[in-house]
PDB file of N, CA and C in Angstrom:
ATOM      1  N   MET A   1       0.869  -1.278   0.042  1.00  0.00           N
ATOM      2  CA  MET A   1      -0.071   0.011  -0.084  1.00  0.00           C
ATOM      3  C   MET A   1       0.942   1.088  -0.147  1.00  0.00           C
ATOM      4  N   THR A   2       0.398   2.123  -0.796  1.00  0.00           N
ATOM      5  CA  THR A   2       1.255   3.345  -0.909  1.00  0.00           C
ATOM      6  C   THR A   2       0.307   4.575  -0.411  1.00  0.00           C
ATOM      7  N   THR A   3       0.966   5.333   0.622  1.00  0.00           N
ATOM      8  CA  THR A   3       0.284   6.558   0.944  1.00  0.00           C
ATOM      9  C   THR A   3       0.466   7.871   0.147  1.00  0.00           C
ATOM     10  N   VAL A   4      -0.522   8.455  -0.246  1.00  0.00           N
ATOM     11  CA  VAL A   4      -0.267   9.767  -0.972  1.00  0.00           C
ATOM     12  C   VAL A   4      -0.778  11.016  -0.315  1.00  0.00           C
ATOM     13  N   GLU A   5       0.184  11.902  -0.028  1.00  0.00           N
ATOM     14  CA  GLU A   5       0.014  12.936   0.799  1.00  0.00           C
ATOM     15  C   GLU A   5      -1.049  14.045   0.126  1.00  0.00           C
ATOM     16  N   VAL A   6      -1.888  14.564   0.944  1.00  0.00           N
ATOM     17  CA  VAL A   6      -2.854  15.383   0.323  1.00  0.00           C
ATOM     18  C   VAL A   6      -2.198  16.933   0.373  1.00  0.00           C
ATOM     19  N   GLN A   7      -2.111  17.347  -0.951  1.00  0.00           N
ATOM     20  CA  GLN A   7      -1.617  18.872  -1.040  1.00  0.00           C
ATOM     21  C   GLN A   7      -2.793  19.828  -0.898  1.00  0.00           C
ATOM     22  N   HIS A   8      -2.408  21.098  -0.370  1.00  0.00           N
ATOM     23  CA  HIS A   8      -3.481  22.115  -0.299  1.00  0.00           C
ATOM     24  C   HIS A   8      -2.720  23.338  -0.150  1.00  0.00           C
ATOM     25  N   ASN A   9      -3.481  24.530  -0.480  1.00  0.00           N
ATOM     26  CA  ASN A   9      -2.980  25.900  -0.487  1.00  0.00           C
ATOM     27  C   ASN A   9      -3.775  26.643   0.402  1.00  0.00           C
ATOM     28  N   TRP A  10      -4.316  26.106   1.503  1.00  0.00           N
ATOM     29  CA  TRP A  10      -5.157  26.801   2.405  1.00  0.00           C
ATOM     30  C   TRP A  10      -4.526  26.471   3.872  1.00  0.00           C
ATOM     31  N   ALA A  11      -4.796  27.419   4.913  1.00  0.00           N
ATOM     32  CA  ALA A  11      -4.377  27.010   6.268  1.00  0.00           C
ATOM     33  C   ALA A  11      -5.588  26.030   6.874  1.00  0.00           C
ATOM     34  N   ALA A  12      -5.070  25.202   7.819  1.00  0.00           N
ATOM     35  CA  ALA A  12      -5.956  24.085   8.121  1.00  0.00           C
ATOM     36  C   ALA A  12      -7.089  24.605   9.068  1.00  0.00           C
ATOM     37  N   ASP A  13      -6.807  26.095   9.645  1.00  0.00           N
ATOM     38  CA  ASP A  13      -8.037  26.514  10.529  1.00  0.00           C
ATOM     39  C   ASP A  13      -9.091  27.215   9.556  1.00  0.00           C
ATOM     40  N   GLN A  14      -8.923  27.039   8.248  1.00  0.00           N
ATOM     41  CA  GLN A  14     -10.075  27.659   7.366  1.00  0.00           C
ATOM     42  C   GLN A  14     -11.083  26.697   7.194  1.00  0.00           C
ATOM     43  N   TRP A  15     -10.644  25.231   7.292  1.00  0.00           N
ATOM     44  CA  TRP A  15     -11.582  24.181   7.025  1.00  0.00           C
ATOM     45  C   TRP A  15     -12.845  24.269   7.983  1.00  0.00           C
ATOM     46  N   ASP A  16     -13.831  24.142   7.355  1.00  0.00           N
ATOM     47  CA  ASP A  16     -15.242  24.157   8.307  1.00  0.00           C
ATOM     48  C   ASP A  16     -16.145  23.090   7.942  1.00  0.00           C
ATOM     49  N   TRP A  17     -16.358  22.826   6.647  1.00  0.00           N
ATOM     50  CA  TRP A  17     -17.477  21.850   6.296  1.00  0.00           C
ATOM     51  C   TRP A  17     -17.090  21.237   4.959  1.00  0.00           C
ATOM     52  N   PRO A  18     -17.284  19.952   4.605  1.00  0.00           N
ATOM     53  CA  PRO A  18     -16.882  19.578   3.368  1.00  0.00           C
ATOM     54  C   PRO A  18     -17.508  20.255   2.139  1.00  0.00           C
ATOM     55  N   LEU A  19     -16.588  20.537   1.165  1.00  0.00           N
ATOM     56  CA  LEU A  19     -16.886  21.186   0.001  1.00  0.00           C
ATOM     57  C   LEU A  19     -17.480  22.488   0.101  1.00  0.00           C
ATOM     58  N   GLN A  20     -17.006  23.229   1.497  1.00  0.00           N
ATOM     59  CA  GLN A  20     -17.438  24.580   1.568  1.00  0.00           C
ATOM     60  C   GLN A  20     -16.902  25.570   0.630  1.00  0.00           C
ATOM     61  N   HIS A  21     -15.484  25.483   0.524  1.00  0.00           N
ATOM     62  CA  HIS A  21     -14.645  26.415  -0.124  1.00  0.00           C
ATOM     63  C   HIS A  21     -14.991  27.948   0.326  1.00  0.00           C
ATOM     64  N   ASN A  22     -15.167  28.201   1.555  1.00  0.00           N
ATOM     65  CA  ASN A  22     -15.731  29.498   2.000  1.00  0.00           C
ATOM     66  C   ASN A  22     -16.640  30.256   1.370  1.00  0.00           C
ATOM     67  N   ASP A  23     -17.717  29.499   0.886  1.00  0.00           N
ATOM     68  CA  ASP A  23     -18.760  30.088   0.172  1.00  0.00           C
ATOM     69  C   ASP A  23     -20.107  30.189   1.105  1.00  0.00           C
ATOM     70  N   GLY A  24     -19.971  30.109   2.346  1.00  0.00           N
ATOM     71  CA  GLY A  24     -21.020  30.377   3.331  1.00  0.00           C
ATOM     72  C   GLY A  24     -22.059  29.230   3.320  1.00  0.00           C
ATOM     73  N   VAL A  25     -21.613  27.860   2.930  1.00  0.00           N
ATOM     74  CA  VAL A  25     -22.689  26.869   3.032  1.00  0.00           C
ATOM     75  C   VAL A  25     -22.966  26.606   4.532  1.00  0.00           C
ATOM     76  N   VAL A  26     -22.031  26.874   5.628  1.00  0.00           N
ATOM     77  CA  VAL A  26     -22.358  26.786   7.001  1.00  0.00           C
ATOM     78  C   VAL A  26     -22.684  28.223   7.389  1.00  0.00           C
ATOM     79  N   LYS A  27     -23.934  28.373   7.918  1.00  0.00           N
ATOM     80  CA  LYS A  27     -24.391  29.741   8.330  1.00  0.00           C
ATOM     81  C   LYS A  27     -24.901  29.676   9.743  1.00  0.00           C
ATOM     82  N   VAL A  28     -24.451  30.437  10.589  1.00  0.00           N
ATOM     83  CA  VAL A  28     -25.181  30.477  11.842  1.00  0.00           C
ATOM     84  C   VAL A  28     -25.668  31.906  12.137  1.00  0.00           C
ATOM     85  N   HIS A  29     -26.889  31.941  12.517  1.00  0.00           N
ATOM     86  CA  HIS A  29     -27.656  33.203  12.769  1.00  0.00           C
ATOM     87  C   HIS A  29     -28.080  33.299  14.086  1.00  0.00           C
ATOM     88  N   SER A  30     -27.846  34.535  14.690  1.00  0.00           N
ATOM     89  CA  SER A  30     -28.454  34.687  16.149  1.00  0.00           C
ATOM     90  C   SER A  30     -29.039  36.001  16.258  1.00  0.00           C
ATOM     91  N   THR A  31     -30.334  35.973  16.469  1.00  0.00           N
ATOM     92  CA  THR A  31     -31.112  37.237  16.608  1.00  0.00           C
ATOM     93  C   THR A  31     -31.727  37.198  18.146  1.00  0.00           C
ATOM     94  N   PRO A  32     -32.275  38.436  18.560  1.00  0.00           N
ATOM     95  CA  PRO A  32     -32.813  38.361  19.780  1.00  0.00           C
ATOM     96  C   PRO A  32     -33.994  37.248  20.200  1.00  0.00           C
ATOM     97  N   ASP A  33     -34.477  36.821  18.995  1.00  0.00           N
ATOM     98  CA  ASP A  33     -35.581  35.824  19.209  1.00  0.00           C
ATOM     99  C   ASP A  33     -35.297  34.415  18.816  1.00  0.00           C
ATOM    100  N   LYS A  34     -34.325  34.282  17.934  1.00  0.00           N
ATOM    101  CA  LYS A  34     -33.944  32.787  17.387  1.00  0.00           C
ATOM    102  C   LYS A  34     -32.530  32.669  17.147  1.00  0.00           C
ATOM    103  N   TRP A  35     -32.139  31.485  17.192  1.00  0.00           N
ATOM    104  CA  TRP A  35     -30.731  30.835  17.030  1.00  0.00           C
ATOM    105  C   TRP A  35     -30.882  29.711  15.891  1.00  0.00           C
ATOM    106  N   GLU A  36     -30.258  29.968  14.689  1.00  0.00           N
ATOM    107  CA  GLU A  36     -30.320  28.906  13.636  1.00  0.00           C
ATOM    108  C   GLU A  36     -29.020  28.655  13.101  1.00  0.00           C
ATOM    109  N   VAL A  37     -28.869  27.562  12.633  1.00  0.00           N
ATOM    110  CA  VAL A  37     -27.767  26.933  11.852  1.00  0.00           C
ATOM    111  C   VAL A  37     -27.960  26.361  10.485  1.00  0.00           C
ATOM    112  N   GLY A  38     -27.559  26.766   9.425  1.00  0.00           N
ATOM    113  CA  GLY A  38     -27.770  26.033   8.134  1.00  0.00           C
ATOM    114  C   GLY A  38     -26.525  25.488   7.634  1.00  0.00           C
ATOM    115  N   LEU A  39     -26.643  24.295   7.024  1.00  0.00           N
ATOM    116  CA  LEU A  39     -25.527  23.697   6.385  1.00  0.00           C
ATOM    117  C   LEU A  39     -25.949  22.762   5.180  1.00  0.00           C
ATOM    118  N   ASP A  40     -25.058  22.719   4.318  1.00  0.00           N
ATOM    119  CA  ASP A  40     -25.202  21.771   3.135  1.00  0.00           C
ATOM    120  C   ASP A  40     -25.203  20.242   3.393  1.00  0.00           C
ATOM    121  N   ALA A  41     -26.388  19.501   3.335  1.00  0.00           N
ATOM    122  CA  ALA A  41     -26.534  18.142   3.324  1.00  0.00           C
ATOM    123  C   ALA A  41     -27.015  17.421   2.219  1.00  0.00           C
ATOM    124  N   SER A  42     -26.772  18.052   1.105  1.00  0.00           N
ATOM    125  CA  SER A  42     -27.182  17.547  -0.205  1.00  0.00           C
ATOM    126  C   SER A  42     -26.852  16.227  -0.446  1.00  0.00           C
ATOM    127  N   PHE A  43     -25.914  15.596   0.120  1.00  0.00           N
ATOM    128  CA  PHE A  43     -25.653  14.232  -0.328  1.00  0.00           C
ATOM    129  C   PHE A  43     -26.246  13.160   0.587  1.00  0.00           C
ATOM    130  N   PHE A  44     -27.181  13.750   1.429  1.00  0.00           N
ATOM    131  CA  PHE A  44     -27.861  12.804   2.503  1.00  0.00           C
ATOM    132  C   PHE A  44     -29.535  12.976   2.416  1.00  0.00           C
ATOM    133  N   THR A  45     -30.029  11.747   2.723  1.00  0.00           N
ATOM    134  CA  THR A  45     -31.606  11.658   2.975  1.00  0.00           C
ATOM    135  C   THR A  45     -31.745  12.136   4.305  1.00  0.00           C
ATOM    136  N   PRO A  46     -33.103  12.290   4.487  1.00  0.00           N
ATOM    137  CA  PRO A  46     -33.446  12.551   6.109  1.00  0.00           C
ATOM    138  C   PRO A  46     -33.222  11.358   6.884  1.00  0.00           C
ATOM    139  N   LYS A  47     -33.275  10.155   6.509  1.00  0.00           N
ATOM    140  CA  LYS A  47     -32.960   8.867   7.256  1.00  0.00           C
ATOM    141  C   LYS A  47     -31.601   8.770   7.738  1.00  0.00           C
ATOM    142  N   GLU A  48     -30.739   9.512   6.880  1.00  0.00           N
ATOM    143  CA  GLU A  48     -29.289   9.472   7.032  1.00  0.00           C
ATOM    144  C   GLU A  48     -28.668  10.559   8.071  1.00  0.00           C
ATOM    145  N   ILE A  49     -29.657  11.299   8.553  1.00  0.00           N
ATOM    146  CA  ILE A  49     -29.360  12.598   9.262  1.00  0.00           C
ATOM    147  C   ILE A  49     -29.881  12.462  10.687  1.00  0.00           C
ATOM    148  N   GLU A  50     -29.018  12.600  11.557  1.00  0.00           N
ATOM    149  CA  GLU A  50     -29.272  12.520  13.023  1.00  0.00           C
ATOM    150  C   GLU A  50     -28.963  13.912  13.729  1.00  0.00           C
ATOM    151  N   VAL A  51     -29.851  14.390  14.381  1.00  0.00           N
ATOM    152  CA  VAL A  51     -29.633  15.589  15.049  1.00  0.00           C
ATOM    153  C   VAL A  51     -30.101  15.425  16.485  1.00  0.00           C
ATOM    154  N   LYS A  52     -29.352  15.764  17.526  1.00  0.00           N
ATOM    155  CA  LYS A  52     -29.742  15.518  18.796  1.00  0.00           C
ATOM    156  C   LYS A  52     -28.987  16.662  19.906  1.00  0.00           C
ATOM    157  N   VAL A  53     -29.348  16.795  21.051  1.00  0.00           N
ATOM    158  CA  VAL A  53     -28.739  17.648  21.976  1.00  0.00           C
ATOM    159  C   VAL A  53     -28.338  16.798  23.076  1.00  0.00           C
ATOM    160  N   VAL A  54     -26.993  16.878  23.281  1.00  0.00           N
ATOM    161  CA  VAL A  54     -26.352  16.245  24.653  1.00  0.00           C
ATOM    162  C   VAL A  54     -25.491  17.378  25.371  1.00  0.00           C
ATOM    163  N   ASN A  55     -26.125  17.643  26.612  1.00  0.00           N
ATOM    164  CA  ASN A  55     -25.340  18.343  27.605  1.00  0.00           C
ATOM    165  C   ASN A  55     -25.130  19.793  26.900  1.00  0.00           C
ATOM    166  N   ASN A  56     -26.272  20.236  26.372  1.00  0.00           N
ATOM    167  CA  ASN A  56     -26.194  21.800  25.810  1.00  0.00           C
ATOM    168  C   ASN A  56     -25.174  21.778  24.524  1.00  0.00           C
ATOM    169  N   ALA A  57     -25.185  20.796  23.868  1.00  0.00           N
ATOM    170  CA  ALA A  57     -24.365  20.787  22.532  1.00  0.00           C
ATOM    171  C   ALA A  57     -25.401  20.087  21.529  1.00  0.00           C
ATOM    172  N   LEU A  58     -25.495  20.713  20.289  1.00  0.00           N
ATOM    173  CA  LEU A  58     -26.091  20.209  19.298  1.00  0.00           C
ATOM    174  C   LEU A  58     -25.131  19.412  18.521  1.00  0.00           C
ATOM    175  N   MET A  59     -25.602  18.277  18.353  1.00  0.00           N
ATOM    176  CA  MET A  59     -24.699  17.208  17.406  1.00  0.00           C
ATOM    177  C   MET A  59     -25.282  16.757  16.199  1.00  0.00           C
ATOM    178  N   ILE A  60     -24.829  16.934  15.040  1.00  0.00           N
ATOM    179  CA  ILE A  60     -25.265  16.738  13.854  1.00  0.00           C
ATOM    180  C   ILE A  60     -24.529  15.576  13.244  1.00  0.00           C
ATOM    181  N   HIS A  61     -25.009  14.446  12.791  1.00  0.00           N
ATOM    182  CA  HIS A  61     -24.327  13.272  12.421  1.00  0.00           C
ATOM    183  C   HIS A  61     -24.996  12.932  10.940  1.00  0.00           C
ATOM    184  N   LEU A  62     -24.339  12.951   9.963  1.00  0.00           N
ATOM    185  CA  LEU A  62     -24.741  12.502   8.613  1.00  0.00           C
ATOM    186  C   LEU A  62     -23.978  11.272   8.197  1.00  0.00           C
ATOM    187  N   ARG A  63     -24.476  10.299   7.550  1.00  0.00           N
ATOM    188  CA  ARG A  63     -23.800   9.115   7.371  1.00  0.00           C
ATOM    189  C   ARG A  63     -24.776   8.297   6.219  1.00  0.00           C
ATOM    190  N   HIS A  64     -24.022   7.872   5.222  1.00  0.00           N
ATOM    191  CA  HIS A  64     -24.604   6.906   4.372  1.00  0.00           C
ATOM    192  C   HIS A  64     -23.660   5.734   3.948  1.00  0.00           C
ATOM    193  N   GLU A  65     -24.045   4.636   3.788  1.00  0.00           N
ATOM    194  CA  GLU A  65     -23.181   3.377   3.417  1.00  0.00           C
ATOM    195  C   GLU A  65     -22.834   3.552   1.987  1.00  0.00           C
ATOM    196  N   ALA A  66     -21.665   2.650   1.662  1.00  0.00           N
ATOM    197  CA  ALA A  66     -21.242   2.673   0.386  1.00  0.00           C
ATOM    198  C   ALA A  66     -22.252   2.610  -0.747  1.00  0.00           C
ATOM    199  N   ARG A  67     -22.026   3.589  -1.733  1.00  0.00           N
ATOM    200  CA  ARG A  67     -22.870   3.622  -3.013  1.00  0.00           C
ATOM    201  C   ARG A  67     -22.069   3.486  -4.217  1.00  0.00           C
ATOM    202  N   THR A  68     -22.373   2.892  -5.100  1.00  0.00           N
ATOM    203  CA  THR A  68     -21.671   2.858  -6.274  1.00  0.00           C
ATOM    204  C   THR A  68     -22.076   3.727  -7.393  1.00  0.00           C
ATOM    205  N   ASP A  69     -21.358   4.705  -8.046  1.00  0.00           N
ATOM    206  CA  ASP A  69     -21.725   5.379  -9.198  1.00  0.00           C
ATOM    207  C   ASP A  69     -20.876   5.136 -10.325  1.00  0.00           C
ATOM    208  N   GLN A  70     -20.886   6.017 -11.264  1.00  0.00           N
ATOM    209  CA  GLN A  70     -20.084   5.593 -12.534  1.00  0.00           C
ATOM    210  C   GLN A  70     -18.606   5.956 -12.365  1.00  0.00           C
ATOM    211  N   HIS A  71     -18.261   6.377 -11.371  1.00  0.00           N
ATOM    212  CA  HIS A  71     -16.786   6.534 -10.862  1.00  0.00           C
ATOM    213  C   HIS A  71     -16.234   5.447  -9.951  1.00  0.00           C
ATOM    214  N   GLY A  72     -17.177   4.710  -9.225  1.00  0.00           N
ATOM    215  CA  GLY A  72     -16.660   3.933  -8.189  1.00  0.00           C
ATOM    216  C   GLY A  72     -17.598   3.982  -7.008  1.00  0.00           C
ATOM    217  N   ASP A  73     -16.994   3.473  -5.731  1.00  0.00           N
ATOM    218  CA  ASP A  73     -17.856   3.402  -4.730  1.00  0.00           C
ATOM    219  C   ASP A  73     -17.546   4.680  -3.725  1.00  0.00           C
ATOM    220  N   VAL A  74     -18.587   5.184  -3.063  1.00  0.00           N
ATOM    221  CA  VAL A  74     -18.305   6.377  -2.100  1.00  0.00           C
ATOM    222  C   VAL A  74     -19.172   6.061  -0.825  1.00  0.00           C
ATOM    223  N   LYS A  75     -18.617   6.407   0.158  1.00  0.00           N
ATOM    224  CA  LYS A  75     -19.228   6.302   1.538  1.00  0.00           C
ATOM    225  C   LYS A  75     -19.020   7.669   2.321  1.00  0.00           C
ATOM    226  N   ARG A  76     -19.995   8.292   2.846  1.00  0.00           N
ATOM    227  CA  ARG A  76     -19.799   9.566   3.391  1.00  0.00           C
ATOM    228  C   ARG A  76     -20.343   9.543   4.841  1.00  0.00           C
ATOM    229  N   GLU A  77     -19.501  10.151   5.792  1.00  0.00           N
ATOM    230  CA  GLU A  77     -19.955  10.338   7.084  1.00  0.00           C
ATOM    231  C   GLU A  77     -19.278  11.693   7.755  1.00  0.00           C
ATOM    232  N   ILE A  78     -20.103  12.511   8.213  1.00  0.00           N
ATOM    233  CA  ILE A  78     -19.745  13.863   8.714  1.00  0.00           C
ATOM    234  C   ILE A  78     -20.461  14.000  10.207  1.00  0.00           C
ATOM    235  N   SER A  79     -19.696  14.583  11.096  1.00  0.00           N
ATOM    236  CA  SER A  79     -20.204  15.028  12.301  1.00  0.00           C
ATOM    237  C   SER A  79     -19.884  16.488  12.669  1.00  0.00           C
ATOM    238  N   ARG A  80     -20.694  17.198  13.197  1.00  0.00           N
ATOM    239  CA  ARG A  80     -20.454  18.467  13.688  1.00  0.00           C
ATOM    240  C   ARG A  80     -21.157  18.781  14.903  1.00  0.00           C
ATOM    241  N   THR A  81     -20.477  19.456  15.876  1.00  0.00           N
ATOM    242  CA  THR A  81     -21.081  19.736  17.155  1.00  0.00           C
ATOM    243  C   THR A  81     -20.993  21.299  17.402  1.00  0.00           C
ATOM    244  N   TYR A  82     -22.146  21.889  17.816  1.00  0.00           N
ATOM    245  CA  TYR A  82     -22.305  23.202  18.032  1.00  0.00           C
ATOM    246  C   TYR A  82     -22.572  23.419  19.739  1.00  0.00           C
ATOM    247  N   HIS A  83     -21.965  24.380  20.315  1.00  0.00           N
ATOM    248  CA  HIS A  83     -22.251  24.639  21.727  1.00  0.00           C
ATOM    249  C   HIS A  83     -23.429  25.499  21.588  1.00  0.00           C
ATOM    250  N   LEU A  84     -24.574  25.243  22.240  1.00  0.00           N
ATOM    251  CA  LEU A  84     -25.744  26.023  22.296  1.00  0.00           C
ATOM    252  C   LEU A  84     -25.473  27.278  23.265  1.00  0.00           C
ATOM    253  N   PRO A  85     -25.640  28.290  22.862  1.00  0.00           N
ATOM    254  CA  PRO A  85     -25.685  29.536  23.715  1.00  0.00           C
ATOM    255  C   PRO A  85     -26.634  29.426  24.776  1.00  0.00           C
ATOM    256  N   ASP A  86     -26.119  30.017  25.876  1.00  0.00           N
ATOM    257  CA  ASP A  86     -27.020  29.971  27.212  1.00  0.00           C
ATOM    258  C   ASP A  86     -28.485  30.397  26.988  1.00  0.00           C
ATOM    259  N   ASP A  87     -28.839  31.451  26.153  1.00  0.00           N
ATOM    260  CA  ASP A  87     -30.099  31.926  25.944  1.00  0.00           C
ATOM    261  C   ASP A  87     -30.841  31.230  24.899  1.00  0.00           C
ATOM    262  N   VAL A  88     -30.191  30.017  24.421  1.00  0.00           N
ATOM    263  CA  VAL A  88     -31.225  29.249  23.500  1.00  0.00           C
ATOM    264  C   VAL A  88     -32.106  28.075  24.302  1.00  0.00           C
ATOM    265  N   ASP A  89     -33.317  27.993  23.839  1.00  0.00           N
ATOM    266  CA  ASP A  89     -34.163  27.027  24.625  1.00  0.00           C
ATOM    267  C   ASP A  89     -34.104  25.773  23.785  1.00  0.00           C
ATOM    268  N   ALA A  90     -33.302  24.892  24.179  1.00  0.00           N
ATOM    269  CA  ALA A  90     -32.983  23.535  23.394  1.00  0.00           C
ATOM    270  C   ALA A  90     -34.343  22.742  23.351  1.00  0.00           C
ATOM    271  N   THR A  91     -35.402  23.056  24.154  1.00  0.00           N
ATOM    272  CA  THR A  91     -36.618  22.229  23.777  1.00  0.00           C
ATOM    273  C   THR A  91     -37.288  22.594  22.569  1.00  0.00           C
ATOM    274  N   THR A  92     -37.016  23.675  22.037  1.00  0.00           N
ATOM    275  CA  THR A  92     -37.766  24.251  20.995  1.00  0.00           C
ATOM    276  C   THR A  92     -36.917  23.908  19.535  1.00  0.00           C
ATOM    277  N   LEU A  93     -35.815  23.244  19.820  1.00  0.00           N
ATOM    278  CA  LEU A  93     -35.166  22.959  18.584  1.00  0.00           C
ATOM    279  C   LEU A  93     -35.905  22.114  17.305  1.00  0.00           C
ATOM    280  N   LYS A  94     -35.673  22.627  16.382  1.00  0.00           N
ATOM    281  CA  LYS A  94     -36.537  21.993  14.986  1.00  0.00           C
ATOM    282  C   LYS A  94     -35.557  21.784  13.884  1.00  0.00           C
ATOM    283  N   SER A  95     -35.671  20.775  12.950  1.00  0.00           N
ATOM    284  CA  SER A  95     -34.740  20.688  12.017  1.00  0.00           C
ATOM    285  C   SER A  95     -35.584  20.452  10.677  1.00  0.00           C
ATOM    286  N   HIS A  96     -35.075  20.936   9.535  1.00  0.00           N
ATOM    287  CA  HIS A  96     -35.524  20.906   8.336  1.00  0.00           C
ATOM    288  C   HIS A  96     -34.611  20.611   7.150  1.00  0.00           C
ATOM    289  N   LEU A  97     -34.938  19.667   6.347  1.00  0.00           N
ATOM    290  CA  LEU A  97     -34.086  19.468   5.137  1.00  0.00           C
ATOM    291  C   LEU A  97     -34.891  19.978   3.969  1.00  0.00           C
ATOM    292  N   SER A  98     -34.330  21.044   3.292  1.00  0.00           N
ATOM    293  CA  SER A  98     -35.015  21.459   2.016  1.00  0.00           C
ATOM    294  C   SER A  98     -34.830  20.530   1.009  1.00  0.00           C
ATOM    295  N   GLN A  99     -35.542  20.771  -0.043  1.00  0.00           N
ATOM    296  CA  GLN A  99     -35.451  20.019  -1.365  1.00  0.00           C
ATOM    297  C   GLN A  99     -34.166  20.146  -1.976  1.00  0.00           C
ATOM    298  N   ASN A 100     -33.512  21.282  -1.883  1.00  0.00           N
ATOM    299  CA  ASN A 100     -32.160  21.552  -2.361  1.00  0.00           C
ATOM    300  C   ASN A 100     -31.090  21.062  -1.569  1.00  0.00           C
ATOM    301  N   GLY A 101     -31.159  20.437  -0.422  1.00  0.00           N
ATOM    302  CA  GLY A 101     -30.359  19.838   0.509  1.00  0.00           C
ATOM    303  C   GLY A 101     -29.681  20.737   1.633  1.00  0.00           C
ATOM    304  N   VAL A 102     -30.499  21.769   1.767  1.00  0.00           N
ATOM    305  CA  VAL A 102     -29.961  22.525   3.054  1.00  0.00           C
ATOM    306  C   VAL A 102     -30.537  22.101   4.360  1.00  0.00           C
ATOM    307  N   LEU A 103     -29.895  21.769   5.350  1.00  0.00           N
ATOM    308  CA  LEU A 103     -30.378  21.284   6.681  1.00  0.00           C
ATOM    309  C   LEU A 103     -30.324  22.647   7.504  1.00  0.00           C
ATOM    310  N   THR A 104     -31.471  22.817   7.939  1.00  0.00           N
ATOM    311  CA  THR A 104     -31.762  24.195   8.932  1.00  0.00           C
ATOM    312  C   THR A 104     -32.050  23.631  10.219  1.00  0.00           C
ATOM    313  N   ILE A 105     -31.345  24.049  11.240  1.00  0.00           N
ATOM    314  CA  ILE A 105     -31.828  23.798  12.684  1.00  0.00           C
ATOM    315  C   ILE A 105     -31.956  25.087  13.320  1.00  0.00           C
ATOM    316  N   SER A 106     -33.230  25.261  13.875  1.00  0.00           N
ATOM    317  CA  SER A 106     -33.417  26.544  14.582  1.00  0.00           C
ATOM    318  C   SER A 106     -33.932  26.263  16.142  1.00  0.00           C
ATOM    319  N   ALA A 107     -34.097  27.246  17.012  1.00  0.00           N
ATOM    320  CA  ALA A 107     -34.424  27.250  18.293  1.00  0.00           C
ATOM    321  C   ALA A 107     -34.676  28.668  18.518  1.00  0.00           C
ATOM    322  N   SER A 108     -35.839  28.853  19.530  1.00  0.00           N
ATOM    323  CA  SER A 108     -36.186  29.981  20.077  1.00  0.00           C
ATOM    324  C   SER A 108     -35.240  30.299  21.146  1.00  0.00           C
ATOM    325  N   LYS A 109     -35.219  31.560  21.579  1.00  0.00           N
ATOM    326  CA  LYS A 109     -34.437  32.155  22.532  1.00  0.00           C
ATOM    327  C   LYS A 109     -35.307  32.074  23.947  1.00  0.00           C
ATOM    328  N   LYS A 110     -34.531  31.930  24.942  1.00  0.00           N
ATOM    329  CA  LYS A 110     -35.233  31.931  26.118  1.00  0.00           C
ATOM    330  C   LYS A 110     -35.730  33.235  26.459  1.00  0.00           C
ATOM    331  N   LYS A 111     -36.797  33.475  27.056  1.00  0.00           N
ATOM    332  CA  LYS A 111     -37.402  34.786  27.359  1.00  0.00           C
ATOM    333  C   LYS A 111     -37.001  35.137  28.761  1.00  0.00           C
TER     334      LYS A 111
END
């Protein structure tokens, strides 16, 4: 087996989400009434997406088993965790996957 080093021309701290290329695919919005995060989940179906809250952290896990396309096999698995701000009511969290693959998770702020 031969290992091939991955070359890149960006700083490691710029990486945020697969295929983002700093195009704003991951967006976090916080207003006085609502907290919301949106991200690209276009390669996943609703059954392949898990969203949960553990100890005031929003955990997003996307996974699908190997699939074969014209180029070969592909398997994807992505995890992302967000610390929920203290003023977010975690009991109001809702998630929605749009037809174009944008996963939006939102919650109301505590009053």
